[in-house]
C-alpha atoms as a PDB file:
ATOM      1  CA  LYS A   1       8.824   7.157   3.969  1.00  0.00           C
ATOM      2  CA  ALA A   2       4.935   5.676   3.191  1.00  0.00           C
ATOM      3  CA  LEU A   3       1.559   6.940   4.091  1.00  0.00           C
ATOM      4  CA  ALA A   4      -1.402   5.704   3.543  1.00  0.00           C
ATOM      5  CA  TYR A   5      -4.549   8.144   2.501  1.00  0.00           C
ATOM      6  CA  PRO A   6      -7.275   8.461   3.310  1.00  0.00           C
ATOM      7  CA  ASN A   7      -7.399   6.064   6.205  1.00  0.00           C
ATOM      8  CA  PRO A   8      -9.991   4.654   6.939  1.00  0.00           C
ATOM      9  CA  TYR A   9     -11.276   4.304   3.437  1.00  0.00           C
ATOM     10  CA  THR A  10     -14.088   3.398   1.945  1.00  0.00           C
ATOM     11  CA  ASN A  11     -13.492   2.676  -1.522  1.00  0.00           C
ATOM     12  CA  GLU A  12     -10.094   2.475  -2.198  1.00  0.00           C
ATOM     13  CA  PHE A  13      -6.705   4.269  -1.262  1.00  0.00           C
ATOM     14  CA  GLN A  14      -3.772   5.381  -2.494  1.00  0.00           C
ATOM     15  CA  LEU A  15      -0.039   5.398  -1.244  1.00  0.00           C
ATOM     16  CA  ASN A  16       2.251   8.990  -0.918  1.00  0.00           C
ATOM     17  CA  VAL A  17       6.287   7.769  -1.068  1.00  0.00           C
ATOM     18  CA  THR A  18       9.167   9.822  -0.105  1.00  0.00           C
ATOM     19  CA  THR A  19      12.273   8.622  -1.664  1.00  0.00           C
ATOM     20  CA  SER A  20      15.455   9.789  -3.527  1.00  0.00           C
ATOM     21  CA  SER A  21      15.908   6.357  -5.859  1.00  0.00           C
ATOM     22  CA  SER A  22      14.071   5.660  -8.830  1.00  0.00           C
ATOM     23  CA  SER A  23      13.951   1.860  -7.974  1.00  0.00           C
ATOM     24  CA  VAL A  24      10.996  -0.385  -8.515  1.00  0.00           C
ATOM     25  CA  ILE A  25       8.294  -0.194  -5.493  1.00  0.00           C
ATOM     26  CA  GLU A  26       6.927  -2.993  -4.228  1.00  0.00           C
ATOM     27  CA  VAL A  27       3.148  -2.673  -2.531  1.00  0.00           C
ATOM     28  CA  LYS A  28       2.023  -5.967  -0.606  1.00  0.00           C
ATOM     29  CA  VAL A  29      -1.185  -6.035   1.006  1.00  0.00           C
ATOM     30  CA  TYR A  30      -2.134  -8.220   3.780  1.00  0.00           C
ATOM     31  CA  ASP A  31      -5.679  -9.256   5.473  1.00  0.00           C
ATOM     32  CA  MET A  32      -5.249  -9.217   9.389  1.00  0.00           C
ATOM     33  CA  ILE A  33      -4.973 -13.682   9.340  1.00  0.00           C
ATOM     34  CA  GLY A  34      -2.130 -13.007   7.076  1.00  0.00           C
ATOM     35  CA  LYS A  35      -3.349 -14.090   3.766  1.00  0.00           C
ATOM     36  CA  LEU A  36      -1.672 -11.683   0.560  1.00  0.00           C
ATOM     37  CA  VAL A  37      -4.270 -10.154  -0.728  1.00  0.00           C
ATOM     38  CA  GLU A  38      -2.628  -8.173  -3.155  1.00  0.00           C
ATOM     39  CA  GLN A  39       0.924  -7.408  -4.264  1.00  0.00           C
ATOM     40  CA  THR A  40       2.098  -4.910  -7.103  1.00  0.00           C
ATOM     41  CA  GLN A  41       4.870  -3.059  -8.132  1.00  0.00           C
ATOM     42  CA  VAL A  42       4.836   0.214  -9.374  1.00  0.00           C
ATOM     43  CA  GLU A  43       7.654   2.956 -10.364  1.00  0.00           C
ATOM     44  CA  PRO A  44       8.242   5.467  -8.275  1.00  0.00           C
ATOM     45  CA  LYS A  45       6.527   8.370 -10.774  1.00  0.00           C
ATOM     46  CA  ASN A  46       3.272   6.052 -10.874  1.00  0.00           C
ATOM     47  CA  ILE A  47       2.798   5.585  -7.104  1.00  0.00           C
ATOM     48  CA  GLU A  48       0.805   8.533  -6.654  1.00  0.00           C
ATOM     49  CA  THR A  49      -1.664   7.214  -9.383  1.00  0.00           C
ATOM     50  CA  LEU A  50      -2.200   3.416  -7.813  1.00  0.00           C
ATOM     51  CA  GLN A  51      -5.650   3.030  -6.172  1.00  0.00           C
ATOM     52  CA  ILE A  52      -5.876  -0.482  -3.823  1.00  0.00           C
ATOM     53  CA  GLY A  53      -8.443  -1.831  -1.476  1.00  0.00           C
ATOM     54  CA  ASN A  54     -11.671  -1.446  -4.106  1.00  0.00           C
ATOM     55  CA  ASN A  55     -12.438  -4.980  -3.950  1.00  0.00           C
ATOM     56  CA  TYR A  56     -11.797  -5.623  -0.480  1.00  0.00           C
ATOM     57  CA  PRO A  57     -14.053  -6.784   2.128  1.00  0.00           C
ATOM     58  CA  SER A  58     -14.185  -4.543   5.124  1.00  0.00           C
ATOM     59  CA  GLY A  59     -11.356  -4.526   7.585  1.00  0.00           C
ATOM     60  CA  VAL A  60      -8.047  -3.889   8.584  1.00  0.00           C
ATOM     61  CA  TYR A  61      -5.118  -4.575   6.501  1.00  0.00           C
ATOM     62  CA  ASN A  62      -1.338  -4.542   6.572  1.00  0.00           C
ATOM     63  CA  VAL A  63       0.144  -2.837   4.000  1.00  0.00           C
ATOM     64  CA  ILE A  64       3.914  -4.019   3.297  1.00  0.00           C
ATOM     65  CA  VAL A  65       6.142  -0.939   1.196  1.00  0.00           C
ATOM     66  CA  SER A  66       9.899  -2.191  -0.137  1.00  0.00           C
ATOM     67  CA  GLN A  67      11.722  -0.370  -2.335  1.00  0.00           C
ATOM     68  CA  ASP A  68      15.739  -1.691  -2.307  1.00  0.00           C
ATOM     69  CA  GLU A  69      16.457  -2.513   1.483  1.00  0.00           C
ATOM     70  CA  ASN A  70      13.787  -0.404   3.263  1.00  0.00           C
ATOM     71  CA  ASN A  71      10.582  -1.804   4.288  1.00  0.00           C
ATOM     72  CA  GLN A  72       7.619   0.052   5.953  1.00  0.00           C
ATOM     73  CA  THR A  73       4.350  -1.268   7.264  1.00  0.00           C
ATOM     74  CA  LEU A  74       1.240   0.643   7.167  1.00  0.00           C
ATOM     75  CA  ARG A  75      -1.722  -0.236   8.881  1.00  0.00           C
ATOM     76  CA  VAL A  76      -5.518   0.370   7.028  1.00  0.00           C
ATOM     77  CA  ILE A  77      -8.703   0.429   7.698  1.00  0.00           C
ATOM     78  CA  LYS A  78     -11.373  -0.239   5.023  1.00  0.00           C
ATOM     79  CA  ARG A  79     -15.191   0.938   6.262  1.00  0.00           C
END
């Protein structure tokens, strides 16, 4: 289970991921026209320190959080 906060955000947002797996978490961020803006992989223990979205223009973004066969899409808004 993944949660993005704060949302909407001004500078950057962070992810809170609840998982029992130790597999790498992949994070992909797309803008509303479907262009890949950012892609990164992070260890579950480091996910809370990952800061995303600092250099994005204002708008709405789809964040896909993947681990093993689990995928979750979050929508975040940058003011």
